[in-house]
Amino acid sequence: MGPRRQGTASTDQSLYTTVRCYPSGFDHPDYSCIVVHAGAGYHSTENEQKHLGACRNACQAAMAALKTGGTAIDAVEIAIRILEDDPVTNCGYGSNLNFDGAVEADASIMDSFGRTGAVGATPEIQNPISLARLILERSSQPMSLKRVPPNFVVGEGAVDYARDQQFPVSSPEALVAHSSRVRFSKWQKEIEYQEIMKRKGKWEKVQVINLPHLGATTRPISQAGSALPPTPSELPGTPQLLKQNVDVVTDTVGAICIDRYGNMAAGSSSGGIGMKQPGRVGPAALIGVGTFVKDRGERQVGTVVSGTGEHMLHALISAQAVNRLYDAEDEMEAMKVIINDDFMGAQGYGKANVWGEAAIGVMSLKAENVGTGKRAITFVFGHNTDSFALASMCSNDSVPKTIMSRTSREPKLAIGGFCRFLQMQPKPSNDDLDAVDAPAKASKRERFRRVKKASQIRADKKNSVVSGLEGLHIDGRLNEVPSRENLIHDDENSDPGEDTGTSLELPETPDNQEHDRSDWLIEFDGHERSSSDVDSEPESLSVSG
């Protein structure tokens, strides 16, 4: 979890930890769920378990926070930080490098209350999702001179913002993993190779010098950086390159969570496509493109998207997907429409880019009331890429469930997910609350009555001593109280028939103690309890689901 910032925790905690109550007469069930993905693209079979392991670790860390009272936005940040710190993913440490060989990160986060935070093309930040959350938190705090706090910061401005907020900043070299450097070096040579082919005009006449032999190759990326072209081996007359067993994950990782309080959050993070133009902002940084949440009370939908960012930007695909799923009765069918029509059929791009591909992976989580006293949690995903790595974990799961979804037939489209039904907690009526509280209130009244009675007895004892000594004269002094020993001594030496006026019996204290214990101990259910218990409230009612 990211470093905690002063001045925001208490406000956000009270906002996020109020249990959601519904007008239908039921309270939100004590149930939470986290889903994550590690990007859409091509995941090599050799690295499949590494990607799924990263997703599994992210789910476990997020669920551990949720089970100890953490909120949805906590879980999303934690899950994505785990992915950012794992070099196998294309975000944070180990991200793809831009054309200049540097990491520039994108990230965004959004909650049920419509609050957002985002960073784009940001260097020197290992965990951009945490910086995005910091921006979200600060966006609700006023600035001097009535300035409007930002919710989206890019480039060096984001680094300056991080330093101003005492957020950790890394050196550029610290974010470059060995695998990223290897990919960058190979792609540089492949770009030079394609430039030679472009100048010659004929593939078979190209003289290839110093072709990279790194033990693996990837599908090369165009210099424009908008999509992946065919492998050179698929083009006529080109030399046969090495087999493709290295990951080509085009873009974003993401996470969506719903917590025990009934709130939802979603977030995305990405290093962008390899060899991208420096300063390019990808979909992971854009609310409505890479990340979106819609919450209207009894129904919440969150979506995160991975793929070709320029296409997704044109279609505002995450917002479009949320709106379509929000009212859908068949989420699987709605996902097909999202990919085939809303994305592939978007005006301006049609069904393909210059390389004949438009890549996308969509992951959504939907929570809604269904029937009487039931709540449905629906997880649905779809993609038209070679593969999509995902994982999910609910509060009643012992371990996360992972899947590497792959497509092998044309037209490429894979759809999957699950739905779980939960029993909601009936909201007690006022009569029920009064009935439950009646015994506790009666017990509390009885304790107060006993305390008052004990105090009255103690006061009466003191008053009896004072009234018996009124007008007493000893050695010419008025109202001086003699000691107990003197009174007893005088009584023994006096004539039994003589009334000296100085004989007075003082009340005995229990166990010959000097003070009455009733002022600090009270008998309660057969045990002695501190008097502080008298003023304490009864324990809150716990209604199990």
Protein backbone atom coordinates (compact mmCIF):
# COMPACT_ATOMS: atom_id res chain seq x y z
CA MET A 1 0.00 0.00 0.00
CA GLY A 2 1.22 3.46 -0.80
CA PRO A 3 2.61 5.89 1.75
CA ARG A 4 -0.09 7.47 3.87
CA ARG A 5 -0.55 11.19 3.51
CA GLN A 6 -1.40 13.48 6.39
CA GLY A 7 -4.73 15.24 6.42
CA THR A 8 -6.63 12.78 4.23
CA ALA A 9 -6.91 9.47 6.06
CA SER A 10 -9.63 10.36 8.56
CA THR A 11 -11.88 12.10 6.05
CA ASP A 12 -11.59 9.37 3.44
CA GLN A 13 -11.91 6.61 6.03
CA SER A 14 -15.25 7.91 7.27
CA LEU A 15 -16.40 8.36 3.68
CA TYR A 16 -15.43 4.86 2.56
CA THR A 17 -16.34 2.85 5.68
CA THR A 18 -19.99 3.83 6.11
CA VAL A 19 -21.97 0.67 5.43
CA ARG A 20 -24.30 1.19 2.51
CA CYS A 21 -28.01 0.93 3.31
CA TYR A 22 -30.61 0.41 0.60
CA PRO A 23 -34.20 1.66 0.49
CA SER A 24 -35.35 -1.88 -0.25
CA GLY A 25 -35.23 -2.73 3.45
CA PHE A 26 -31.88 -4.58 3.41
CA ASP A 27 -28.32 -3.73 4.33
CA HIS A 28 -25.26 -4.52 2.25
CA PRO A 29 -23.90 -8.04 2.93
CA ASP A 30 -20.49 -8.36 4.54
CA TYR A 31 -18.95 -9.53 1.27
CA SER A 32 -16.06 -8.28 -0.84
CA CYS A 33 -14.54 -9.20 -4.20
CA ILE A 34 -11.39 -8.23 -6.11
CA VAL A 35 -10.66 -8.93 -9.80
CA VAL A 36 -7.42 -8.12 -11.63
CA HIS A 37 -5.91 -8.53 -15.09
CA ALA A 38 -2.32 -8.44 -16.33
CA GLY A 39 -2.98 -6.98 -19.77
CA ALA A 40 -4.34 -8.08 -23.11
CA GLY A 41 -1.98 -9.09 -25.91
CA TYR A 42 0.22 -12.12 -26.37
CA HIS A 43 1.42 -13.96 -23.25
CA SER A 44 3.97 -16.66 -24.04
CA THR A 45 3.26 -20.13 -22.73
CA GLU A 46 6.70 -20.09 -21.10
CA ASN A 47 5.74 -17.06 -18.99
CA GLU A 48 2.07 -17.93 -18.45
CA GLN A 49 2.53 -19.02 -14.85
CA LYS A 50 4.55 -15.88 -14.09
CA HIS A 51 1.69 -13.67 -15.27
CA LEU A 52 -0.92 -15.71 -13.43
CA GLY A 53 1.29 -15.75 -10.35
CA ALA A 54 1.46 -11.95 -10.40
CA CYS A 55 -2.34 -11.79 -10.63
CA ARG A 56 -2.67 -14.32 -7.82
CA ASN A 57 -0.35 -12.34 -5.55
CA ALA A 58 -2.25 -9.14 -6.30
CA CYS A 59 -5.58 -10.72 -5.35
CA GLN A 60 -4.24 -12.22 -2.14
CA ALA A 61 -2.70 -8.95 -0.96
CA ALA A 62 -5.86 -7.00 -1.76
CA MET A 63 -8.14 -9.53 -0.05
CA ALA A 64 -5.95 -9.52 3.06
CA ALA A 65 -6.53 -5.78 3.30
CA LEU A 66 -10.28 -6.15 2.69
CA LYS A 67 -10.67 -8.78 5.41
CA THR A 68 -9.05 -6.45 7.96
CA GLY A 69 -11.47 -3.62 7.22
CA GLY A 70 -9.78 -2.12 4.17
CA THR A 71 -11.81 -0.26 1.58
CA ALA A 72 -12.26 -0.84 -2.14
CA ILE A 73 -9.88 1.96 -3.05
CA ASP A 74 -7.28 0.51 -0.65
CA ALA A 75 -7.58 -2.89 -2.32
CA VAL A 76 -7.30 -1.50 -5.85
CA GLU A 77 -4.17 0.45 -4.98
CA ILE A 78 -2.59 -2.55 -3.23
CA ALA A 79 -3.39 -4.98 -6.06
CA ILE A 80 -1.99 -2.72 -8.76
CA ARG A 81 1.12 -1.90 -6.71
CA ILE A 82 1.86 -5.64 -6.57
CA LEU A 83 1.59 -5.78 -10.37
CA GLU A 84 3.70 -2.63 -10.78
CA ASP A 85 6.50 -4.11 -8.68
CA ASP A 86 6.58 -7.35 -10.69
CA PRO A 87 8.85 -7.04 -13.76
CA VAL A 88 6.77 -9.55 -15.71
CA THR A 89 4.00 -6.96 -16.19
CA ASN A 90 4.00 -3.85 -18.38
CA CYS A 91 3.59 -1.29 -15.60
CA GLY A 92 5.80 0.36 -13.01
CA TYR A 93 9.13 -1.42 -12.77
CA GLY A 94 9.72 -3.41 -15.95
CA SER A 95 7.49 -1.29 -18.19
CA ASN A 96 8.02 -1.02 -21.93
CA LEU A 97 10.47 1.73 -22.88
CA ASN A 98 9.59 4.63 -25.13
CA PHE A 99 11.52 5.54 -28.29
CA ASP A 100 14.18 7.26 -26.16
CA GLY A 101 14.64 4.23 -23.92
CA ALA A 102 12.87 5.63 -20.84
CA VAL A 103 9.88 4.51 -18.76
CA GLU A 104 6.85 6.83 -18.90
CA ALA A 105 3.96 5.57 -16.81
CA ASP A 106 0.19 6.06 -17.00
CA ALA A 107 -2.30 5.33 -14.22
CA SER A 108 -5.80 6.25 -13.09
CA ILE A 109 -8.14 5.40 -10.23
CA MET A 110 -11.85 6.08 -9.62
CA ASP A 111 -14.23 5.40 -6.74
CA SER A 112 -17.97 5.01 -6.20
CA PHE A 113 -18.33 8.70 -5.37
CA GLY A 114 -17.07 9.85 -8.77
CA ARG A 115 -13.72 11.02 -7.45
CA THR A 116 -10.76 10.44 -9.77
CA GLY A 117 -7.00 10.78 -9.90
CA ALA A 118 -4.66 10.17 -12.83
CA VAL A 119 -1.10 10.62 -14.10
CA GLY A 120 0.14 10.39 -17.68
CA ALA A 121 3.52 9.96 -19.40
CA THR A 122 5.13 10.22 -15.97
CA PRO A 123 8.83 9.35 -15.56
CA GLU A 124 10.66 8.47 -12.35
CA ILE A 125 7.60 7.05 -10.56
CA GLN A 126 7.69 3.33 -9.73
CA ASN A 127 4.10 3.16 -8.42
CA PRO A 128 2.02 5.56 -10.51
CA ILE A 129 -1.22 4.11 -9.11
CA SER A 130 -0.29 5.43 -5.66
CA LEU A 131 0.45 8.86 -7.09
CA ALA A 132 -2.92 8.76 -8.85
CA ARG A 133 -4.61 7.97 -5.54
CA LEU A 134 -2.77 10.82 -3.86
CA ILE A 135 -4.09 13.16 -6.55
CA LEU A 136 -7.61 11.78 -5.96
CA GLU A 137 -7.34 12.48 -2.24
CA ARG A 138 -5.91 15.96 -2.71
CA SER A 139 -8.54 16.85 -5.32
CA SER A 140 -11.15 17.32 -2.59
CA GLN A 141 -9.00 19.67 -0.52
CA PRO A 142 -9.15 23.43 -1.19
CA MET A 143 -6.09 25.31 -2.37
CA SER A 144 -5.03 28.87 -1.66
CA LEU A 145 -6.49 31.72 -3.71
CA LYS A 146 -9.48 29.48 -4.53
CA ARG A 147 -7.42 27.50 -7.03
CA VAL A 148 -8.94 24.26 -8.27
CA PRO A 149 -6.87 21.20 -7.27
CA PRO A 150 -5.91 18.97 -10.24
CA ASN A 151 -7.11 15.43 -10.79
CA PHE A 152 -4.87 14.69 -13.80
CA VAL A 153 -1.17 15.58 -13.96
CA VAL A 154 1.30 14.59 -16.71
CA GLY A 155 5.00 14.43 -17.53
CA GLU A 156 7.53 16.32 -15.49
CA GLY A 157 4.66 18.21 -13.89
CA ALA A 158 3.59 14.97 -12.23
CA VAL A 159 7.12 14.43 -10.90
CA ASP A 160 7.17 17.97 -9.49
CA TYR A 161 3.76 17.35 -7.92
CA ALA A 162 5.07 14.15 -6.32
CA ARG A 163 8.07 15.95 -4.85
CA ASP A 164 5.85 18.73 -3.48
CA GLN A 165 3.74 16.09 -1.72
CA GLN A 166 6.79 14.17 -0.38
CA PHE A 167 5.92 11.24 -2.63
CA PRO A 168 8.80 8.83 -3.45
CA VAL A 169 10.59 9.59 -6.73
CA SER A 170 12.99 7.10 -8.35
CA SER A 171 15.86 7.58 -10.76
CA PRO A 172 15.03 6.81 -14.42
CA GLU A 173 17.49 3.90 -14.49
CA ALA A 174 15.91 2.28 -11.43
CA LEU A 175 12.69 1.61 -13.34
CA VAL A 176 14.32 -0.21 -16.28
CA ALA A 177 14.28 -3.98 -15.89
CA HIS A 178 16.69 -6.22 -17.79
CA SER A 179 13.85 -7.72 -19.82
CA SER A 180 12.71 -4.23 -20.85
CA ARG A 181 16.22 -3.33 -21.98
CA VAL A 182 16.46 -6.53 -24.03
CA ARG A 183 13.14 -5.83 -25.76
CA PHE A 184 14.15 -2.24 -26.45
CA SER A 185 17.47 -3.27 -28.00
CA LYS A 186 15.81 -5.85 -30.24
CA TRP A 187 13.02 -3.50 -31.31
CA GLN A 188 15.55 -0.82 -32.20
CA LYS A 189 17.25 -3.20 -34.61
CA GLU A 190 13.93 -4.38 -36.04
CA ILE A 191 12.90 -0.79 -36.70
CA GLU A 192 16.18 -0.21 -38.53
CA TYR A 193 15.53 -3.42 -40.45
CA GLN A 194 12.09 -2.24 -41.52
CA GLU A 195 13.47 1.12 -42.58
CA ILE A 196 15.95 -0.65 -44.84
CA MET A 197 13.13 -2.69 -46.37
CA LYS A 198 11.09 0.45 -46.87
CA ARG A 199 13.93 2.18 -48.74
CA LYS A 200 14.78 -0.85 -50.92
CA GLY A 201 11.18 -1.55 -51.81
CA LYS A 202 11.74 -5.27 -52.36
CA TRP A 203 11.92 -7.69 -49.47
CA GLU A 204 14.05 -10.33 -51.19
CA LYS A 205 16.87 -7.88 -51.93
CA VAL A 206 17.31 -6.75 -48.34
CA GLN A 207 20.74 -7.46 -46.86
CA VAL A 208 20.20 -8.04 -43.17
CA ILE A 209 23.20 -7.14 -41.02
CA ASN A 210 23.46 -7.87 -37.29
CA LEU A 211 19.95 -9.28 -37.03
CA PRO A 212 19.25 -9.72 -33.30
CA HIS A 213 19.68 -13.23 -31.94
CA LEU A 214 18.54 -12.87 -28.34
CA GLY A 215 17.03 -16.30 -27.97
CA ALA A 216 13.53 -14.98 -28.68
CA THR A 217 11.66 -12.45 -30.72
CA THR A 218 8.44 -10.53 -30.44
CA ARG A 219 6.02 -9.17 -32.93
CA PRO A 220 7.70 -5.87 -33.82
CA ILE A 221 6.00 -2.57 -33.28
CA SER A 222 5.65 0.11 -35.93
CA GLN A 223 7.54 3.37 -35.51
CA ALA A 224 4.20 5.14 -35.15
CA GLY A 225 3.63 2.87 -32.19
CA SER A 226 -0.11 2.45 -32.58
CA ALA A 227 -0.29 -1.31 -33.09
CA LEU A 228 1.61 -4.51 -33.73
CA PRO A 229 2.43 -5.44 -37.35
CA PRO A 230 2.68 -8.99 -38.61
CA THR A 231 5.85 -10.84 -37.76
CA PRO A 232 8.50 -10.60 -40.50
CA SER A 233 8.19 -14.33 -41.04
CA GLU A 234 4.60 -13.79 -42.18
CA LEU A 235 5.70 -11.48 -44.99
CA PRO A 236 6.92 -12.89 -48.32
CA GLY A 237 10.64 -13.08 -48.88
CA THR A 238 11.67 -12.13 -45.36
CA PRO A 239 14.19 -14.09 -43.40
CA GLN A 240 12.81 -16.51 -40.85
CA LEU A 241 13.30 -14.97 -37.42
CA LEU A 242 13.42 -16.85 -34.18
CA LYS A 243 10.31 -18.43 -32.72
CA GLN A 244 7.98 -16.17 -30.82
CA ASN A 245 8.14 -17.04 -27.15
CA VAL A 246 8.43 -13.63 -25.49
CA ASP A 247 5.45 -11.68 -24.20
CA VAL A 248 3.95 -8.86 -26.23
CA VAL A 249 1.45 -7.27 -23.87
CA THR A 250 0.12 -4.19 -25.57
CA ASP A 251 -0.95 -2.13 -22.62
CA THR A 252 -2.70 -1.83 -19.30
CA VAL A 253 -3.09 -3.87 -16.11
CA GLY A 254 -6.14 -3.19 -13.99
CA ALA A 255 -8.17 -4.03 -10.90
CA ILE A 256 -11.78 -3.61 -9.74
CA CYS A 257 -13.05 -4.15 -6.20
CA ILE A 258 -16.27 -4.03 -4.22
CA ASP A 259 -15.85 -3.99 -0.45
CA ARG A 260 -17.90 -4.99 2.61
CA TYR A 261 -19.29 -1.46 2.84
CA GLY A 262 -20.90 -1.68 -0.60
CA ASN A 263 -18.50 0.70 -2.36
CA MET A 264 -16.64 0.07 -5.62
CA ALA A 265 -13.34 1.30 -7.02
CA ALA A 266 -11.35 0.62 -10.19
CA GLY A 267 -7.85 1.44 -11.36
CA SER A 268 -5.45 0.95 -14.26
CA SER A 269 -1.70 1.24 -14.72
CA SER A 270 0.55 0.88 -17.75
CA GLY A 271 3.94 1.49 -19.24
CA GLY A 272 2.32 1.89 -22.64
CA ILE A 273 3.26 0.23 -25.92
CA GLY A 274 6.91 -0.39 -26.64
CA MET A 275 8.87 2.24 -28.58
CA LYS A 276 6.04 4.74 -28.16
CA GLN A 277 6.44 8.42 -28.90
CA PRO A 278 7.84 10.20 -25.81
CA GLY A 279 5.05 12.12 -24.10
CA ARG A 280 2.33 9.83 -25.43
CA VAL A 281 -0.52 9.41 -22.92
CA GLY A 282 -2.21 6.04 -23.02
CA PRO A 283 -5.68 4.84 -22.04
CA ALA A 284 -4.62 3.80 -18.55
CA ALA A 285 -4.39 7.47 -17.61
CA LEU A 286 -7.76 8.46 -19.04
CA ILE A 287 -11.00 8.23 -17.07
CA GLY A 288 -13.72 6.94 -19.38
CA VAL A 289 -11.18 5.25 -21.63
CA GLY A 290 -9.12 2.90 -19.47
CA THR A 291 -11.06 3.16 -16.18
CA PHE A 292 -14.64 3.95 -15.22
CA VAL A 293 -17.09 3.34 -12.36
CA LYS A 294 -20.81 4.04 -12.27
CA ASP A 295 -22.68 3.89 -8.97
CA ARG A 296 -26.35 4.77 -8.63
CA GLY A 297 -27.06 3.29 -5.22
CA GLU A 298 -28.45 -0.21 -5.57
CA ARG A 299 -26.28 -1.03 -8.60
CA GLN A 300 -22.57 -0.49 -9.32
CA VAL A 301 -20.52 -1.28 -12.43
CA GLY A 302 -16.77 -0.87 -12.87
CA THR A 303 -14.71 -1.48 -16.01
CA VAL A 304 -11.02 -1.43 -16.88
CA VAL A 305 -9.74 -1.87 -20.42
CA SER A 306 -6.47 -2.91 -22.06
CA GLY A 307 -5.48 -2.74 -25.71
CA THR A 308 -4.77 -0.28 -28.49
CA GLY A 309 -5.09 3.03 -26.71
CA GLU A 310 -5.70 5.27 -29.70
CA HIS A 311 -8.73 3.21 -30.72
CA MET A 312 -10.10 3.07 -27.18
CA LEU A 313 -9.71 6.82 -26.80
CA HIS A 314 -11.79 7.41 -29.89
CA ALA A 315 -14.60 5.18 -28.59
CA LEU A 316 -14.42 6.22 -24.88
CA ILE A 317 -14.70 2.50 -24.44
CA SER A 318 -14.68 2.00 -20.65
CA ALA A 319 -17.49 4.51 -20.12
CA GLN A 320 -19.37 2.99 -23.05
CA ALA A 321 -18.93 -0.50 -21.60
CA VAL A 322 -20.11 0.57 -18.14
CA ASN A 323 -23.23 2.22 -19.52
CA ARG A 324 -24.07 -0.82 -21.63
CA LEU A 325 -23.50 -3.31 -18.81
CA TYR A 326 -25.36 -1.18 -16.27
CA ASP A 327 -28.76 -1.89 -17.81
CA ALA A 328 -27.93 -5.26 -19.40
CA GLU A 329 -29.82 -8.37 -18.38
CA ASP A 330 -27.35 -10.64 -20.21
CA GLU A 331 -23.83 -9.44 -19.42
CA MET A 332 -22.16 -11.96 -21.74
CA GLU A 333 -24.16 -10.78 -24.72
CA ALA A 334 -23.52 -7.17 -23.75
CA MET A 335 -19.77 -7.85 -23.73
CA LYS A 336 -19.95 -9.14 -27.30
CA VAL A 337 -21.68 -5.94 -28.38
CA ILE A 338 -19.09 -3.83 -26.56
CA ILE A 339 -16.19 -5.43 -28.44
CA ASN A 340 -17.77 -6.02 -31.85
CA ASP A 341 -19.86 -2.85 -32.17
CA ASP A 342 -18.76 -0.22 -29.66
CA PHE A 343 -15.05 -0.84 -30.25
CA MET A 344 -14.45 -2.60 -33.56
CA GLY A 345 -17.28 -0.74 -35.25
CA ALA A 346 -16.39 2.69 -33.88
CA GLN A 347 -16.78 5.49 -36.40
CA GLY A 348 -13.46 6.71 -37.76
CA TYR A 349 -11.56 3.47 -37.27
CA GLY A 350 -13.84 0.80 -38.58
CA LYS A 351 -12.75 -2.72 -37.79
CA ALA A 352 -9.01 -2.36 -38.32
CA ASN A 353 -6.03 -0.10 -38.22
CA VAL A 354 -3.22 0.08 -40.75
CA TRP A 355 -1.96 -3.35 -39.66
CA GLY A 356 -5.38 -4.99 -39.78
CA GLU A 357 -5.66 -5.23 -35.99
CA ALA A 358 -7.54 -3.41 -33.25
CA ALA A 359 -6.66 -5.01 -29.93
CA ILE A 360 -8.80 -4.85 -26.79
CA GLY A 361 -9.40 -6.65 -23.52
CA VAL A 362 -12.32 -5.61 -21.28
CA MET A 363 -12.84 -6.63 -17.64
CA SER A 364 -15.94 -5.60 -15.69
CA LEU A 365 -17.49 -6.15 -12.26
CA LYS A 366 -21.18 -5.55 -11.59
CA ALA A 367 -23.04 -5.59 -8.26
CA GLU A 368 -26.82 -5.21 -8.04
CA ASN A 369 -29.87 -6.12 -6.00
CA VAL A 370 -31.89 -8.97 -7.52
CA GLY A 371 -35.16 -10.31 -6.20
CA THR A 372 -35.98 -9.95 -2.52
CA GLY A 373 -33.03 -9.83 -0.19
CA LYS A 374 -30.47 -11.03 -2.74
CA ARG A 375 -27.47 -9.36 -4.31
CA ALA A 376 -25.68 -10.53 -7.46
CA ILE A 377 -21.95 -10.06 -8.10
CA THR A 378 -21.14 -10.55 -11.80
CA PHE A 379 -17.61 -10.77 -13.20
CA VAL A 380 -17.39 -10.66 -16.99
CA PHE A 381 -14.51 -10.24 -19.44
CA GLY A 382 -13.90 -10.32 -23.17
CA HIS A 383 -10.98 -9.87 -25.57
CA ASN A 384 -10.00 -10.18 -29.22
CA THR A 385 -6.28 -10.53 -28.54
CA ASP A 386 -4.30 -13.77 -28.45
CA SER A 387 -4.53 -13.93 -24.65
CA PHE A 388 -5.79 -12.19 -21.54
CA ALA A 389 -4.49 -12.94 -18.02
CA LEU A 390 -7.03 -12.56 -15.19
CA ALA A 391 -7.67 -13.52 -11.58
CA SER A 392 -10.50 -13.11 -9.08
CA MET A 393 -10.97 -13.64 -5.36
CA CYS A 394 -14.03 -13.22 -3.15
CA SER A 395 -14.16 -13.03 0.63
CA ASN A 396 -15.40 -16.63 0.88
CA ASP A 397 -12.62 -17.99 -1.37
CA SER A 398 -9.58 -19.61 0.20
CA VAL A 399 -7.37 -18.97 -2.85
CA PRO A 400 -7.68 -16.76 -5.96
CA LYS A 401 -9.03 -18.19 -9.19
CA THR A 402 -6.79 -17.49 -12.21
CA ILE A 403 -7.30 -17.92 -15.94
CA MET A 404 -5.22 -17.35 -19.05
CA SER A 405 -7.92 -16.86 -21.66
CA ARG A 406 -6.69 -17.59 -25.19
CA THR A 407 -8.23 -17.35 -28.65
CA SER A 408 -7.19 -19.59 -31.53
CA ARG A 409 -9.92 -19.29 -34.15
CA GLU A 410 -11.12 -16.50 -36.39
CA PRO A 411 -12.87 -14.24 -35.75
CA LYS A 412 -10.99 -13.85 -32.50
CA LEU A 413 -13.33 -13.21 -29.58
CA ALA A 414 -13.37 -14.78 -26.13
CA ILE A 415 -16.00 -14.10 -23.45
CA GLY A 416 -16.06 -15.42 -19.89
CA GLY A 417 -16.94 -14.71 -16.26
CA PHE A 418 -19.10 -15.82 -13.33
CA CYS A 419 -22.06 -14.67 -11.24
CA ARG A 420 -22.59 -15.15 -7.49
CA PHE A 421 -25.76 -14.56 -5.49
CA LEU A 422 -25.57 -13.33 -1.91
CA GLN A 423 -28.16 -13.20 0.84
CA MET A 424 -28.51 -9.62 2.08
CA GLN A 425 -29.04 -8.63 5.72
CA PRO A 426 -32.60 -7.53 6.61
CA LYS A 427 -32.68 -4.01 7.92
CA PRO A 428 -34.35 -4.10 11.40
CA SER A 429 -37.46 -1.97 11.91
CA ASN A 430 -37.82 0.57 14.72
CA ASP A 431 -39.97 -1.89 16.69
CA ASP A 432 -37.30 -4.57 16.28
CA LEU A 433 -34.62 -2.17 17.45
CA ASP A 434 -36.71 -1.20 20.48
CA ALA A 435 -37.32 -4.85 21.32
CA VAL A 436 -33.62 -5.64 21.08
CA ASP A 437 -32.63 -2.58 23.11
CA ALA A 438 -35.27 -3.05 25.85
CA PRO A 439 -33.35 -5.60 28.00
CA ALA A 440 -30.14 -3.62 27.70
CA LYS A 441 -31.90 -0.39 28.63
CA ALA A 442 -33.61 -2.06 31.61
CA SER A 443 -30.29 -3.47 32.82
CA LYS A 444 -28.66 -0.09 32.49
CA ARG A 445 -31.48 1.59 34.45
CA GLU A 446 -31.10 -1.03 37.19
CA ARG A 447 -27.37 -0.38 37.43
CA PHE A 448 -27.95 3.35 37.73
CA ARG A 449 -30.60 2.73 40.42
CA ARG A 450 -28.19 0.63 42.45
CA VAL A 451 -25.45 3.21 42.11
CA LYS A 452 -27.82 5.94 43.26
CA LYS A 453 -28.97 3.84 46.22
CA ALA A 454 -25.39 3.08 47.27
CA SER A 455 -24.53 6.76 47.07
CA GLN A 456 -27.59 7.65 49.17
CA ILE A 457 -26.65 5.13 51.86
CA ARG A 458 -23.16 6.55 52.02
CA ALA A 459 -24.51 10.09 52.28
CA ASP A 460 -26.95 9.07 55.07
CA LYS A 461 -24.09 7.57 57.09
CA LYS A 462 -22.09 10.76 56.87
CA ASN A 463 -25.11 12.90 57.76
CA SER A 464 -25.84 10.78 60.85
CA VAL A 465 -22.33 11.44 62.18
CA VAL A 466 -22.60 15.17 61.66
CA SER A 467 -26.09 15.45 63.20
CA GLY A 468 -25.00 13.53 66.32
CA LEU A 469 -22.14 15.93 66.91
CA GLU A 470 -24.04 19.19 66.51
CA GLY A 471 -23.65 21.49 69.56
CA LEU A 472 -20.94 19.28 71.10
CA HIS A 473 -18.49 21.23 73.35
CA ILE A 474 -15.06 19.83 74.13
CA ASP A 475 -12.54 22.03 75.96
CA GLY A 476 -14.57 25.06 75.07
CA ARG A 477 -14.38 24.38 71.27
CA LEU A 478 -17.60 24.15 69.34
CA ASN A 479 -18.35 21.39 66.82
CA GLU A 480 -14.98 19.69 67.09
CA VAL A 481 -15.37 16.01 66.31
CA PRO A 482 -13.64 13.77 68.85
CA SER A 483 -11.63 10.80 67.72
CA ARG A 484 -13.15 7.35 67.89
CA GLU A 485 -10.60 6.24 70.50
CA ASN A 486 -11.43 9.18 72.80
CA LEU A 487 -15.13 8.49 72.64
CA ILE A 488 -14.65 4.84 73.50
CA HIS A 489 -12.20 5.68 76.32
CA ASP A 490 -14.58 8.23 77.84
CA ASP A 491 -17.43 5.81 77.59
CA GLU A 492 -15.52 3.11 79.49
CA ASN A 493 -14.52 5.48 82.35
CA SER A 494 -17.93 7.04 82.79
CA ASP A 495 -20.66 5.96 85.13
CA PRO A 496 -23.17 3.84 83.26
CA GLY A 497 -26.00 5.77 84.80
CA GLU A 498 -24.48 9.13 84.08
CA ASP A 499 -25.23 10.98 80.89
CA THR A 500 -22.05 12.81 80.01
CA GLY A 501 -23.30 13.99 76.67
CA THR A 502 -20.16 12.70 74.97
CA SER A 503 -21.09 9.09 74.27
CA LEU A 504 -21.81 8.50 70.55
CA GLU A 505 -21.85 5.30 68.56
CA LEU A 506 -20.32 5.71 65.09
CA PRO A 507 -21.54 3.36 62.35
CA GLU A 508 -19.20 0.49 61.62
CA THR A 509 -17.70 0.35 58.13
CA PRO A 510 -17.65 -3.00 56.31
CA ASP A 511 -14.66 -5.15 57.22
CA ASN A 512 -13.39 -2.31 59.40
CA GLN A 513 -12.32 -0.47 56.29
CA GLU A 514 -12.18 3.26 56.22
CA HIS A 515 -14.19 3.75 53.01
CA ASP A 516 -17.31 2.20 51.56
CA ARG A 517 -16.43 0.13 48.45
CA SER A 518 -19.83 0.75 46.91
CA ASP A 519 -18.53 3.97 45.41
CA TRP A 520 -16.29 2.11 42.95
CA LEU A 521 -17.44 -1.50 42.71
CA ILE A 522 -20.85 -2.68 41.63
CA GLU A 523 -22.20 -6.20 41.58
CA PHE A 524 -23.10 -7.08 37.97
CA ASP A 525 -24.28 -10.54 36.93
CA GLY A 526 -22.46 -12.08 39.86
CA HIS A 527 -19.15 -10.35 39.11
CA GLU A 528 -17.52 -7.17 40.29
CA ARG A 529 -17.24 -4.56 37.52
CA SER A 530 -15.64 -1.16 37.46
CA SER A 531 -18.06 1.72 37.80
CA SER A 532 -16.93 2.87 34.38
CA ASP A 533 -19.05 0.01 33.02
CA VAL A 534 -22.12 1.80 34.26
CA ASP A 535 -21.64 4.63 31.84
CA SER A 536 -20.65 2.47 28.90
CA GLU A 537 -23.06 1.79 26.07
CA PRO A 538 -24.28 -1.75 25.45
CA GLU A 539 -22.48 -3.69 22.77
CA SER A 540 -23.71 -3.00 19.24
CA LEU A 541 -26.02 -5.51 17.70
CA SER A 542 -24.34 -7.83 15.23
CA VAL A 543 -26.61 -9.34 12.63
CA SER A 544 -25.00 -12.20 10.77
CA GLY A 545 -25.73 -12.81 7.18
